[in-house]
Amino acid sequence: MIRLDKDNGLWTVTVNRPDKANSLTAAMLGDLVEIARSAQSAHALILTGTGRIFSAGADLDEAKAGLATSGLWEQLSGAIADLPGLTVAALNGTLAGGAMGMALACDLRIAVPGARVFYPVMKLGFLPQPSDPGRMAALIGPARTKLILMGGQKITADEALAFGLVDRIVEPDDLLAVARDLVADTLAAKPEIARSIKELCR
């Protein structure tokens, strides 16, 4: 349910469970962690989903059994954040719950017009993953981060763009083409140059 395609230094990772809103099981999270940790050799990575929802977060049954507080979420976002190449979250639809972490850990986020962003952890009685509030606040500021995490607001794609949570809104048919265009210069550059520029931007 996690698909990996490799093409000349570009790794494209696709969450492929559209019948369950691309909700993530522990096994899927484990696969994503393994891919992200092995992607040190990738020059660029695109993270996307199939269907109309990027990911609804944790699989509901497994969340009740403890997945909602699993350390796998933090392992995944940390592994993505540590990648030396350019990383792009190509949000084909709504981004919710724990799935927010992997998108926040990417360097860039693009989204389709109908995407929504929300993270209802407080309502469900959980804390967000440790690095998520800090990464979100670095992008959109503390108040807007509280709007999402404490105010429980569902943010539209237009609001997310205005906030700085996403970098561009793209029509669904163009989403992956735009993502590939964004990483094209990085793929063409010497890996050590791209890595150094990324470090300078931290």
N, C-alpha and C. Protein backbone atom coordinates (compact mmCIF):
# COMPACT_ATOMS: atom_id res chain seq x y z
N MET A 1 0.81 -1.21 0.00
CA MET A 1 0.00 0.00 0.00
C MET A 1 0.85 1.27 0.00
N ILE A 2 2.16 1.08 0.06
CA ILE A 2 3.10 2.17 -0.17
C ILE A 2 3.89 1.82 -1.42
N ARG A 3 3.80 2.68 -2.43
CA ARG A 3 4.49 2.43 -3.69
C ARG A 3 5.71 3.33 -3.81
N LEU A 4 6.81 2.76 -4.23
CA LEU A 4 8.04 3.52 -4.43
C LEU A 4 8.48 3.38 -5.88
N ASP A 5 8.67 4.51 -6.55
CA ASP A 5 9.19 4.54 -7.91
C ASP A 5 10.48 5.34 -7.91
N LYS A 6 11.50 4.80 -8.57
CA LYS A 6 12.80 5.47 -8.65
C LYS A 6 13.10 5.78 -10.11
N ASP A 7 13.57 7.00 -10.36
CA ASP A 7 13.87 7.43 -11.72
C ASP A 7 15.03 8.42 -11.71
N ASN A 8 16.24 7.92 -11.96
CA ASN A 8 17.42 8.78 -12.07
C ASN A 8 17.59 9.74 -10.89
N GLY A 9 17.55 9.20 -9.71
CA GLY A 9 17.76 10.01 -8.52
C GLY A 9 16.50 10.58 -7.90
N LEU A 10 15.39 10.49 -8.60
CA LEU A 10 14.11 10.95 -8.05
C LEU A 10 13.34 9.75 -7.50
N TRP A 11 13.01 9.84 -6.23
CA TRP A 11 12.17 8.83 -5.59
C TRP A 11 10.77 9.42 -5.41
N THR A 12 9.77 8.71 -5.91
CA THR A 12 8.38 9.12 -5.72
C THR A 12 7.69 8.08 -4.85
N VAL A 13 7.21 8.52 -3.71
CA VAL A 13 6.57 7.65 -2.73
C VAL A 13 5.08 7.95 -2.73
N THR A 14 4.27 6.92 -2.95
CA THR A 14 2.82 7.11 -3.07
C THR A 14 2.08 6.29 -2.03
N VAL A 15 1.27 6.96 -1.23
CA VAL A 15 0.38 6.27 -0.30
C VAL A 15 -0.82 5.78 -1.11
N ASN A 16 -1.02 4.47 -1.14
CA ASN A 16 -1.98 3.89 -2.07
C ASN A 16 -3.00 3.01 -1.33
N ARG A 17 -3.87 3.69 -0.60
CA ARG A 17 -4.98 3.00 0.09
C ARG A 17 -6.23 3.88 -0.02
N PRO A 18 -6.63 4.21 -1.24
CA PRO A 18 -7.71 5.20 -1.43
C PRO A 18 -9.06 4.75 -0.88
N ASP A 19 -9.28 3.44 -0.79
CA ASP A 19 -10.56 2.95 -0.25
C ASP A 19 -10.71 3.23 1.23
N LYS A 20 -9.58 3.53 1.90
CA LYS A 20 -9.59 3.87 3.33
C LYS A 20 -9.04 5.27 3.55
N ALA A 21 -9.26 6.15 2.58
CA ALA A 21 -8.82 7.55 2.67
C ALA A 21 -7.32 7.66 2.92
N ASN A 22 -6.58 6.67 2.39
CA ASN A 22 -5.12 6.63 2.56
C ASN A 22 -4.71 6.72 4.03
N SER A 23 -5.57 6.19 4.91
CA SER A 23 -5.19 6.13 6.33
C SER A 23 -4.05 5.13 6.48
N LEU A 24 -3.21 5.39 7.47
CA LEU A 24 -1.96 4.65 7.60
C LEU A 24 -2.02 3.62 8.72
N THR A 25 -1.64 2.41 8.40
CA THR A 25 -1.49 1.36 9.40
C THR A 25 -0.05 1.38 9.92
N ALA A 26 0.19 0.62 10.97
CA ALA A 26 1.55 0.53 11.49
C ALA A 26 2.50 -0.05 10.45
N ALA A 27 2.02 -1.03 9.70
CA ALA A 27 2.86 -1.63 8.66
C ALA A 27 3.21 -0.61 7.58
N MET A 28 2.24 0.21 7.19
CA MET A 28 2.50 1.25 6.19
C MET A 28 3.48 2.29 6.72
N LEU A 29 3.28 2.69 7.97
CA LEU A 29 4.22 3.64 8.58
C LEU A 29 5.63 3.07 8.63
N GLY A 30 5.73 1.80 8.98
CA GLY A 30 7.03 1.15 9.00
C GLY A 30 7.70 1.16 7.63
N ASP A 31 6.90 0.90 6.59
CA ASP A 31 7.43 0.95 5.22
C ASP A 31 7.91 2.35 4.87
N LEU A 32 7.13 3.36 5.25
CA LEU A 32 7.51 4.74 4.96
C LEU A 32 8.80 5.13 5.69
N VAL A 33 8.93 4.71 6.93
CA VAL A 33 10.16 4.99 7.69
C VAL A 33 11.35 4.34 7.00
N GLU A 34 11.19 3.10 6.61
CA GLU A 34 12.29 2.38 5.96
C GLU A 34 12.70 3.06 4.65
N ILE A 35 11.72 3.49 3.86
CA ILE A 35 12.01 4.18 2.61
C ILE A 35 12.73 5.49 2.88
N ALA A 36 12.20 6.27 3.82
CA ALA A 36 12.80 7.57 4.10
C ALA A 36 14.23 7.43 4.61
N ARG A 37 14.48 6.43 5.42
CA ARG A 37 15.84 6.23 5.93
C ARG A 37 16.80 5.78 4.84
N SER A 38 16.28 5.06 3.86
CA SER A 38 17.14 4.57 2.78
C SER A 38 17.29 5.59 1.66
N ALA A 39 16.55 6.70 1.74
CA ALA A 39 16.54 7.68 0.66
C ALA A 39 17.68 8.68 0.74
N GLN A 40 18.66 8.43 1.61
CA GLN A 40 19.84 9.31 1.67
C GLN A 40 20.53 9.39 0.31
N SER A 41 20.38 8.34 -0.48
CA SER A 41 21.00 8.32 -1.81
C SER A 41 20.15 9.01 -2.88
N ALA A 42 18.92 9.36 -2.53
CA ALA A 42 18.05 10.04 -3.49
C ALA A 42 18.45 11.50 -3.63
N HIS A 43 18.39 12.02 -4.84
CA HIS A 43 18.67 13.45 -5.06
C HIS A 43 17.43 14.30 -4.77
N ALA A 44 16.26 13.70 -4.91
CA ALA A 44 15.00 14.39 -4.60
C ALA A 44 13.94 13.34 -4.30
N LEU A 45 12.94 13.76 -3.50
CA LEU A 45 11.87 12.84 -3.13
C LEU A 45 10.54 13.57 -3.20
N ILE A 46 9.56 12.93 -3.83
CA ILE A 46 8.19 13.45 -3.89
C ILE A 46 7.31 12.49 -3.11
N LEU A 47 6.50 13.04 -2.24
CA LEU A 47 5.57 12.26 -1.42
C LEU A 47 4.15 12.63 -1.84
N THR A 48 3.34 11.64 -2.25
CA THR A 48 1.99 11.94 -2.71
C THR A 48 1.05 10.78 -2.35
N GLY A 49 -0.19 10.87 -2.80
CA GLY A 49 -1.17 9.83 -2.52
C GLY A 49 -2.04 9.57 -3.74
N THR A 50 -2.83 8.53 -3.68
CA THR A 50 -3.78 8.24 -4.75
C THR A 50 -5.19 8.63 -4.30
N GLY A 51 -6.05 8.90 -5.26
CA GLY A 51 -7.42 9.27 -4.93
C GLY A 51 -7.54 10.75 -4.59
N ARG A 52 -8.56 11.08 -3.82
CA ARG A 52 -8.88 12.47 -3.54
C ARG A 52 -8.46 12.96 -2.16
N ILE A 53 -7.82 12.07 -1.40
CA ILE A 53 -7.34 12.42 -0.06
C ILE A 53 -5.87 12.02 0.03
N PHE A 54 -5.03 12.95 0.49
CA PHE A 54 -3.62 12.60 0.66
C PHE A 54 -3.48 11.55 1.75
N SER A 55 -3.99 11.85 2.94
CA SER A 55 -4.05 10.86 4.01
C SER A 55 -4.92 11.38 5.14
N ALA A 56 -5.75 10.49 5.66
CA ALA A 56 -6.59 10.83 6.81
C ALA A 56 -5.88 10.60 8.13
N GLY A 57 -4.58 10.28 8.08
CA GLY A 57 -3.84 10.03 9.31
C GLY A 57 -3.86 8.56 9.67
N ALA A 58 -3.94 8.26 10.93
CA ALA A 58 -3.88 6.88 11.39
C ALA A 58 -5.15 6.12 11.04
N ASP A 59 -4.99 4.87 10.66
CA ASP A 59 -6.12 3.96 10.52
C ASP A 59 -6.91 3.95 11.82
N LEU A 60 -8.22 4.11 11.72
CA LEU A 60 -9.05 4.31 12.92
C LEU A 60 -8.93 3.17 13.92
N ASP A 61 -9.02 1.93 13.44
CA ASP A 61 -8.95 0.78 14.35
C ASP A 61 -7.58 0.70 15.02
N GLU A 62 -6.53 0.92 14.23
CA GLU A 62 -5.18 0.84 14.81
C GLU A 62 -4.88 2.03 15.70
N ALA A 63 -5.50 3.18 15.40
CA ALA A 63 -5.31 4.35 16.25
C ALA A 63 -5.84 4.06 17.65
N LYS A 64 -7.00 3.42 17.72
CA LYS A 64 -7.59 3.08 19.01
C LYS A 64 -6.74 2.07 19.78
N ALA A 65 -5.97 1.28 19.01
CA ALA A 65 -5.13 0.25 19.63
C ALA A 65 -3.74 0.77 19.98
N GLY A 66 -3.51 2.06 19.75
CA GLY A 66 -2.24 2.63 20.17
C GLY A 66 -1.41 3.29 19.08
N LEU A 67 -1.81 3.16 17.81
CA LEU A 67 -1.01 3.72 16.73
C LEU A 67 -0.95 5.25 16.79
N ALA A 68 -2.00 5.87 17.32
CA ALA A 68 -2.05 7.34 17.37
C ALA A 68 -0.88 7.93 18.15
N THR A 69 -0.34 7.17 19.09
CA THR A 69 0.77 7.68 19.91
C THR A 69 2.07 6.94 19.63
N SER A 70 2.13 6.22 18.53
CA SER A 70 3.33 5.46 18.18
C SER A 70 4.50 6.38 17.84
N GLY A 71 5.68 5.95 18.19
CA GLY A 71 6.88 6.69 17.83
C GLY A 71 7.21 6.63 16.35
N LEU A 72 6.52 5.79 15.60
CA LEU A 72 6.78 5.69 14.16
C LEU A 72 6.53 7.00 13.43
N TRP A 73 5.54 7.77 13.89
CA TRP A 73 5.24 9.06 13.23
C TRP A 73 6.45 9.99 13.32
N GLU A 74 7.02 10.07 14.49
CA GLU A 74 8.17 10.95 14.70
C GLU A 74 9.40 10.42 13.97
N GLN A 75 9.56 9.11 13.93
CA GLN A 75 10.66 8.52 13.17
C GLN A 75 10.54 8.88 11.69
N LEU A 76 9.32 8.85 11.18
CA LEU A 76 9.10 9.16 9.76
C LEU A 76 9.42 10.62 9.46
N SER A 77 8.86 11.54 10.23
CA SER A 77 9.10 12.95 9.95
C SER A 77 10.57 13.30 10.13
N GLY A 78 11.22 12.70 11.13
CA GLY A 78 12.64 12.95 11.34
C GLY A 78 13.49 12.46 10.19
N ALA A 79 13.16 11.28 9.67
CA ALA A 79 13.91 10.73 8.55
C ALA A 79 13.75 11.58 7.29
N ILE A 80 12.55 12.09 7.06
CA ILE A 80 12.32 12.95 5.90
C ILE A 80 13.07 14.27 6.06
N ALA A 81 12.99 14.85 7.25
CA ALA A 81 13.66 16.13 7.49
C ALA A 81 15.17 16.02 7.32
N ASP A 82 15.73 14.84 7.56
CA ASP A 82 17.18 14.64 7.48
C ASP A 82 17.68 14.36 6.07
N LEU A 83 16.79 14.22 5.10
CA LEU A 83 17.24 13.89 3.75
C LEU A 83 18.03 15.04 3.13
N PRO A 84 19.10 14.74 2.42
CA PRO A 84 19.94 15.78 1.85
C PRO A 84 19.38 16.41 0.58
N GLY A 85 18.49 15.70 -0.12
CA GLY A 85 17.92 16.21 -1.35
C GLY A 85 16.65 17.02 -1.11
N LEU A 86 16.13 17.61 -2.16
CA LEU A 86 14.89 18.40 -2.06
C LEU A 86 13.70 17.47 -1.93
N THR A 87 12.82 17.76 -0.97
CA THR A 87 11.64 16.92 -0.73
C THR A 87 10.38 17.75 -0.94
N VAL A 88 9.41 17.16 -1.63
CA VAL A 88 8.17 17.85 -1.97
C VAL A 88 6.98 16.98 -1.57
N ALA A 89 6.08 17.52 -0.78
CA ALA A 89 4.81 16.87 -0.50
C ALA A 89 3.80 17.36 -1.53
N ALA A 90 3.39 16.48 -2.42
CA ALA A 90 2.41 16.81 -3.46
C ALA A 90 1.05 16.33 -2.96
N LEU A 91 0.33 17.24 -2.34
CA LEU A 91 -0.90 16.89 -1.64
C LEU A 91 -2.06 16.80 -2.64
N ASN A 92 -2.43 15.57 -2.97
CA ASN A 92 -3.50 15.34 -3.93
C ASN A 92 -4.88 15.55 -3.33
N GLY A 93 -4.94 15.87 -2.05
CA GLY A 93 -6.21 16.09 -1.38
C GLY A 93 -5.97 16.40 0.08
N THR A 94 -6.97 16.17 0.89
CA THR A 94 -6.95 16.56 2.30
C THR A 94 -5.83 15.87 3.06
N LEU A 95 -5.22 16.65 3.95
CA LEU A 95 -4.13 16.20 4.83
C LEU A 95 -4.63 16.32 6.26
N ALA A 96 -4.65 15.20 6.99
CA ALA A 96 -5.26 15.23 8.32
C ALA A 96 -4.43 14.45 9.32
N GLY A 97 -4.56 14.86 10.58
CA GLY A 97 -4.01 14.13 11.70
C GLY A 97 -2.52 13.90 11.63
N GLY A 98 -2.10 12.71 12.04
CA GLY A 98 -0.69 12.38 12.12
C GLY A 98 0.04 12.46 10.79
N ALA A 99 -0.68 12.36 9.68
CA ALA A 99 -0.05 12.46 8.37
C ALA A 99 0.55 13.85 8.15
N MET A 100 0.12 14.83 8.96
CA MET A 100 0.65 16.18 8.84
C MET A 100 2.17 16.20 9.03
N GLY A 101 2.68 15.33 9.89
CA GLY A 101 4.10 15.37 10.21
C GLY A 101 5.00 15.16 9.02
N MET A 102 4.67 14.20 8.16
CA MET A 102 5.55 13.94 7.03
C MET A 102 5.50 15.07 6.01
N ALA A 103 4.35 15.72 5.89
CA ALA A 103 4.26 16.86 4.98
C ALA A 103 5.02 18.07 5.53
N LEU A 104 4.90 18.31 6.83
CA LEU A 104 5.63 19.41 7.46
C LEU A 104 7.13 19.21 7.35
N ALA A 105 7.58 17.96 7.35
CA ALA A 105 9.01 17.67 7.29
C ALA A 105 9.60 17.86 5.90
N CYS A 106 8.74 17.95 4.89
CA CYS A 106 9.22 18.17 3.52
C CYS A 106 9.66 19.62 3.35
N ASP A 107 10.51 19.84 2.36
CA ASP A 107 11.00 21.19 2.08
C ASP A 107 9.92 22.06 1.46
N LEU A 108 9.10 21.47 0.60
CA LEU A 108 8.05 22.19 -0.10
C LEU A 108 6.76 21.41 -0.03
N ARG A 109 5.64 22.14 -0.09
CA ARG A 109 4.32 21.52 -0.10
C ARG A 109 3.48 22.19 -1.19
N ILE A 110 2.93 21.38 -2.08
CA ILE A 110 1.98 21.89 -3.06
C ILE A 110 0.68 21.12 -2.89
N ALA A 111 -0.44 21.74 -3.23
CA ALA A 111 -1.73 21.12 -2.94
C ALA A 111 -2.74 21.43 -4.04
N VAL A 112 -3.69 20.54 -4.20
CA VAL A 112 -4.79 20.77 -5.14
C VAL A 112 -5.79 21.72 -4.51
N PRO A 113 -6.62 22.40 -5.32
CA PRO A 113 -7.53 23.42 -4.78
C PRO A 113 -8.51 22.92 -3.72
N GLY A 114 -8.93 21.67 -3.81
CA GLY A 114 -9.92 21.17 -2.86
C GLY A 114 -9.35 20.60 -1.59
N ALA A 115 -8.05 20.68 -1.42
CA ALA A 115 -7.43 20.11 -0.22
C ALA A 115 -7.84 20.86 1.04
N ARG A 116 -7.95 20.15 2.13
CA ARG A 116 -8.16 20.73 3.44
C ARG A 116 -7.06 20.23 4.37
N VAL A 117 -6.75 21.02 5.38
CA VAL A 117 -5.72 20.64 6.34
C VAL A 117 -6.30 20.76 7.74
N PHE A 118 -6.24 19.69 8.51
CA PHE A 118 -6.65 19.77 9.90
C PHE A 118 -5.95 18.69 10.72
N TYR A 119 -5.88 18.94 12.04
CA TYR A 119 -5.07 18.10 12.92
C TYR A 119 -5.80 18.03 14.27
N PRO A 120 -6.83 17.17 14.38
CA PRO A 120 -7.72 17.20 15.55
C PRO A 120 -7.22 16.39 16.74
N VAL A 121 -5.93 16.47 17.05
CA VAL A 121 -5.40 15.63 18.13
C VAL A 121 -5.98 15.99 19.50
N MET A 122 -6.12 17.27 19.78
CA MET A 122 -6.60 17.68 21.10
C MET A 122 -8.02 17.17 21.32
N LYS A 123 -8.85 17.28 20.30
CA LYS A 123 -10.23 16.81 20.37
C LYS A 123 -10.29 15.31 20.64
N LEU A 124 -9.31 14.59 20.12
CA LEU A 124 -9.29 13.14 20.28
C LEU A 124 -8.56 12.70 21.55
N GLY A 125 -8.01 13.68 22.28
CA GLY A 125 -7.38 13.36 23.55
C GLY A 125 -5.91 12.99 23.46
N PHE A 126 -5.25 13.41 22.35
CA PHE A 126 -3.83 13.10 22.17
C PHE A 126 -3.03 14.38 22.02
N LEU A 127 -1.72 14.27 22.24
CA LEU A 127 -0.80 15.33 21.89
C LEU A 127 -0.32 15.13 20.46
N PRO A 128 0.02 16.22 19.76
CA PRO A 128 0.63 16.06 18.45
C PRO A 128 2.01 15.43 18.61
N GLN A 129 2.54 14.90 17.51
CA GLN A 129 3.90 14.39 17.56
C GLN A 129 4.86 15.52 17.93
N PRO A 130 5.91 15.24 18.69
CA PRO A 130 6.73 16.30 19.29
C PRO A 130 7.24 17.37 18.35
N SER A 131 7.66 17.00 17.15
CA SER A 131 8.27 17.99 16.25
C SER A 131 7.24 18.75 15.42
N ASP A 132 6.00 18.28 15.37
CA ASP A 132 5.01 18.89 14.47
C ASP A 132 4.67 20.34 14.83
N PRO A 133 4.38 20.67 16.09
CA PRO A 133 4.05 22.07 16.39
C PRO A 133 5.17 23.03 16.05
N GLY A 134 6.41 22.64 16.34
CA GLY A 134 7.53 23.51 16.04
C GLY A 134 7.71 23.73 14.56
N ARG A 135 7.60 22.66 13.78
CA ARG A 135 7.74 22.80 12.32
C ARG A 135 6.60 23.64 11.76
N MET A 136 5.39 23.43 12.27
CA MET A 136 4.26 24.21 11.79
C MET A 136 4.41 25.67 12.15
N ALA A 137 4.81 25.94 13.39
CA ALA A 137 4.97 27.33 13.83
C ALA A 137 6.06 28.04 13.05
N ALA A 138 7.11 27.30 12.65
CA ALA A 138 8.17 27.90 11.85
C ALA A 138 7.65 28.35 10.48
N LEU A 139 6.62 27.67 10.00
CA LEU A 139 6.05 28.01 8.70
C LEU A 139 4.98 29.09 8.79
N ILE A 140 4.09 28.99 9.80
CA ILE A 140 2.91 29.85 9.80
C ILE A 140 2.76 30.70 11.07
N GLY A 141 3.68 30.54 12.02
CA GLY A 141 3.61 31.32 13.25
C GLY A 141 2.84 30.61 14.35
N PRO A 142 3.08 31.00 15.61
CA PRO A 142 2.44 30.33 16.75
C PRO A 142 0.92 30.45 16.76
N ALA A 143 0.38 31.63 16.44
CA ALA A 143 -1.07 31.82 16.55
C ALA A 143 -1.82 30.93 15.57
N ARG A 144 -1.35 30.88 14.32
CA ARG A 144 -2.04 30.05 13.33
C ARG A 144 -1.84 28.57 13.63
N THR A 145 -0.71 28.23 14.23
CA THR A 145 -0.51 26.85 14.66
C THR A 145 -1.53 26.48 15.73
N LYS A 146 -1.78 27.39 16.66
CA LYS A 146 -2.81 27.14 17.70
C LYS A 146 -4.20 27.11 17.07
N LEU A 147 -4.41 27.89 16.03
CA LEU A 147 -5.70 27.86 15.33
C LEU A 147 -6.02 26.45 14.85
N ILE A 148 -4.99 25.76 14.37
CA ILE A 148 -5.17 24.41 13.86
C ILE A 148 -5.18 23.37 14.99
N LEU A 149 -4.18 23.45 15.87
CA LEU A 149 -4.02 22.40 16.89
C LEU A 149 -4.97 22.56 18.07
N MET A 150 -5.29 23.80 18.43
CA MET A 150 -6.15 24.03 19.59
C MET A 150 -7.54 24.52 19.20
N GLY A 151 -7.61 25.29 18.12
CA GLY A 151 -8.91 25.76 17.64
C GLY A 151 -9.65 24.75 16.79
N GLY A 152 -8.92 23.69 16.36
CA GLY A 152 -9.56 22.62 15.61
C GLY A 152 -10.07 23.03 14.24
N GLN A 153 -9.47 24.08 13.67
CA GLN A 153 -9.99 24.59 12.40
C GLN A 153 -9.50 23.76 11.21
N LYS A 154 -10.42 23.61 10.26
CA LYS A 154 -10.07 22.98 8.98
C LYS A 154 -9.67 24.09 8.02
N ILE A 155 -8.45 24.05 7.56
CA ILE A 155 -7.88 25.11 6.74
C ILE A 155 -8.04 24.76 5.27
N THR A 156 -8.58 25.67 4.50
CA THR A 156 -8.73 25.44 3.06
C THR A 156 -7.38 25.59 2.37
N ALA A 157 -7.33 25.15 1.13
CA ALA A 157 -6.08 25.28 0.36
C ALA A 157 -5.69 26.75 0.20
N ASP A 158 -6.67 27.61 -0.05
CA ASP A 158 -6.37 29.03 -0.20
C ASP A 158 -5.82 29.62 1.10
N GLU A 159 -6.42 29.25 2.23
CA GLU A 159 -5.91 29.72 3.52
C GLU A 159 -4.51 29.18 3.78
N ALA A 160 -4.30 27.91 3.45
CA ALA A 160 -2.99 27.30 3.67
C ALA A 160 -1.93 28.02 2.85
N LEU A 161 -2.27 28.42 1.63
CA LEU A 161 -1.34 29.17 0.80
C LEU A 161 -1.06 30.54 1.40
N ALA A 162 -2.11 31.23 1.84
CA ALA A 162 -1.93 32.55 2.45
C ALA A 162 -1.12 32.47 3.74
N PHE A 163 -1.31 31.40 4.51
CA PHE A 163 -0.58 31.21 5.76
C PHE A 163 0.90 30.89 5.51
N GLY A 164 1.19 30.24 4.39
CA GLY A 164 2.53 29.73 4.13
C GLY A 164 2.68 28.26 4.45
N LEU A 165 1.55 27.60 4.72
CA LEU A 165 1.58 26.17 5.02
C LEU A 165 1.80 25.36 3.75
N VAL A 166 1.29 25.83 2.62
CA VAL A 166 1.62 25.26 1.32
C VAL A 166 2.24 26.37 0.47
N ASP A 167 3.02 25.96 -0.51
CA ASP A 167 3.78 26.92 -1.32
C ASP A 167 3.14 27.23 -2.66
N ARG A 168 2.25 26.36 -3.10
CA ARG A 168 1.61 26.59 -4.39
C ARG A 168 0.36 25.73 -4.47
N ILE A 169 -0.68 26.25 -5.13
CA ILE A 169 -1.89 25.47 -5.41
C ILE A 169 -1.85 25.07 -6.88
N VAL A 170 -2.09 23.79 -7.13
CA VAL A 170 -1.90 23.23 -8.46
C VAL A 170 -3.12 22.39 -8.82
N GLU A 171 -3.56 22.48 -10.05
CA GLU A 171 -4.67 21.65 -10.51
C GLU A 171 -4.30 20.17 -10.42
N PRO A 172 -5.27 19.31 -10.09
CA PRO A 172 -4.96 17.89 -9.87
C PRO A 172 -4.22 17.22 -11.02
N ASP A 173 -4.61 17.52 -12.25
CA ASP A 173 -3.96 16.87 -13.39
C ASP A 173 -2.50 17.30 -13.56
N ASP A 174 -2.14 18.42 -12.96
CA ASP A 174 -0.78 18.94 -13.10
C ASP A 174 0.10 18.70 -11.88
N LEU A 175 -0.46 18.09 -10.84
CA LEU A 175 0.21 18.04 -9.55
C LEU A 175 1.60 17.40 -9.63
N LEU A 176 1.68 16.20 -10.17
CA LEU A 176 2.97 15.52 -10.20
C LEU A 176 3.92 16.16 -11.19
N ALA A 177 3.39 16.69 -12.30
CA ALA A 177 4.25 17.39 -13.26
C ALA A 177 4.89 18.61 -12.61
N VAL A 178 4.12 19.35 -11.83
CA VAL A 178 4.67 20.52 -11.14
C VAL A 178 5.69 20.08 -10.09
N ALA A 179 5.39 19.01 -9.37
CA ALA A 179 6.34 18.51 -8.37
C ALA A 179 7.66 18.12 -9.03
N ARG A 180 7.57 17.45 -10.16
CA ARG A 180 8.80 17.06 -10.88
C ARG A 180 9.54 18.28 -11.38
N ASP A 181 8.82 19.30 -11.82
CA ASP A 181 9.47 20.52 -12.28
C ASP A 181 10.20 21.21 -11.12
N LEU A 182 9.62 21.17 -9.93
CA LEU A 182 10.24 21.81 -8.78
C LEU A 182 11.56 21.15 -8.39
N VAL A 183 11.67 19.85 -8.63
CA VAL A 183 12.90 19.16 -8.25
C VAL A 183 13.90 19.03 -9.41
N ALA A 184 13.53 19.51 -10.59
CA ALA A 184 14.36 19.30 -11.78
C ALA A 184 15.76 19.89 -11.63
N ASP A 185 15.86 21.12 -11.12
CA ASP A 185 17.18 21.74 -10.97
C ASP A 185 18.03 20.99 -9.95
N THR A 186 17.40 20.52 -8.89
CA THR A 186 18.14 19.76 -7.89
C THR A 186 18.65 18.45 -8.48
N LEU A 187 17.84 17.79 -9.28
CA LEU A 187 18.27 16.55 -9.91
C LEU A 187 19.43 16.78 -10.86
N ALA A 188 19.44 17.95 -11.50
CA ALA A 188 20.50 18.25 -12.47
C ALA A 188 21.79 18.73 -11.81
N ALA A 189 21.71 19.14 -10.55
CA ALA A 189 22.87 19.70 -9.86
C ALA A 189 23.75 18.58 -9.27
N LYS A 190 24.97 18.94 -8.93
CA LYS A 190 25.80 18.01 -8.18
C LYS A 190 25.19 17.82 -6.80
N PRO A 191 25.05 16.56 -6.35
CA PRO A 191 24.40 16.32 -5.05
C PRO A 191 25.01 17.09 -3.89
N GLU A 192 26.35 17.25 -3.90
CA GLU A 192 26.99 17.95 -2.79
C GLU A 192 26.64 19.43 -2.78
N ILE A 193 26.41 20.01 -3.98
CA ILE A 193 26.01 21.41 -4.07
C ILE A 193 24.59 21.58 -3.53
N ALA A 194 23.70 20.70 -3.97
CA ALA A 194 22.31 20.76 -3.50
C ALA A 194 22.24 20.56 -1.99
N ARG A 195 23.03 19.62 -1.49
CA ARG A 195 23.03 19.35 -0.05
C ARG A 195 23.53 20.57 0.73
N SER A 196 24.55 21.21 0.22
CA SER A 196 25.11 22.38 0.90
C SER A 196 24.12 23.54 0.91
N ILE A 197 23.42 23.75 -0.21
CA ILE A 197 22.43 24.82 -0.26
C ILE A 197 21.31 24.55 0.74
N LYS A 198 20.89 23.29 0.83
CA LYS A 198 19.83 22.95 1.78
C LYS A 198 20.29 23.23 3.21
N GLU A 199 21.54 22.90 3.51
CA GLU A 199 22.07 23.16 4.84
C GLU A 199 22.11 24.66 5.13
N LEU A 200 22.47 25.45 4.13
CA LEU A 200 22.53 26.91 4.32
C LEU A 200 21.14 27.49 4.59
N CYS A 201 20.10 26.82 4.13
CA CYS A 201 18.73 27.32 4.30
C CYS A 201 18.12 26.92 5.62
N ARG A 202 18.76 26.08 6.38
CA ARG A 202 18.18 25.62 7.64
C ARG A 202 18.17 26.74 8.67
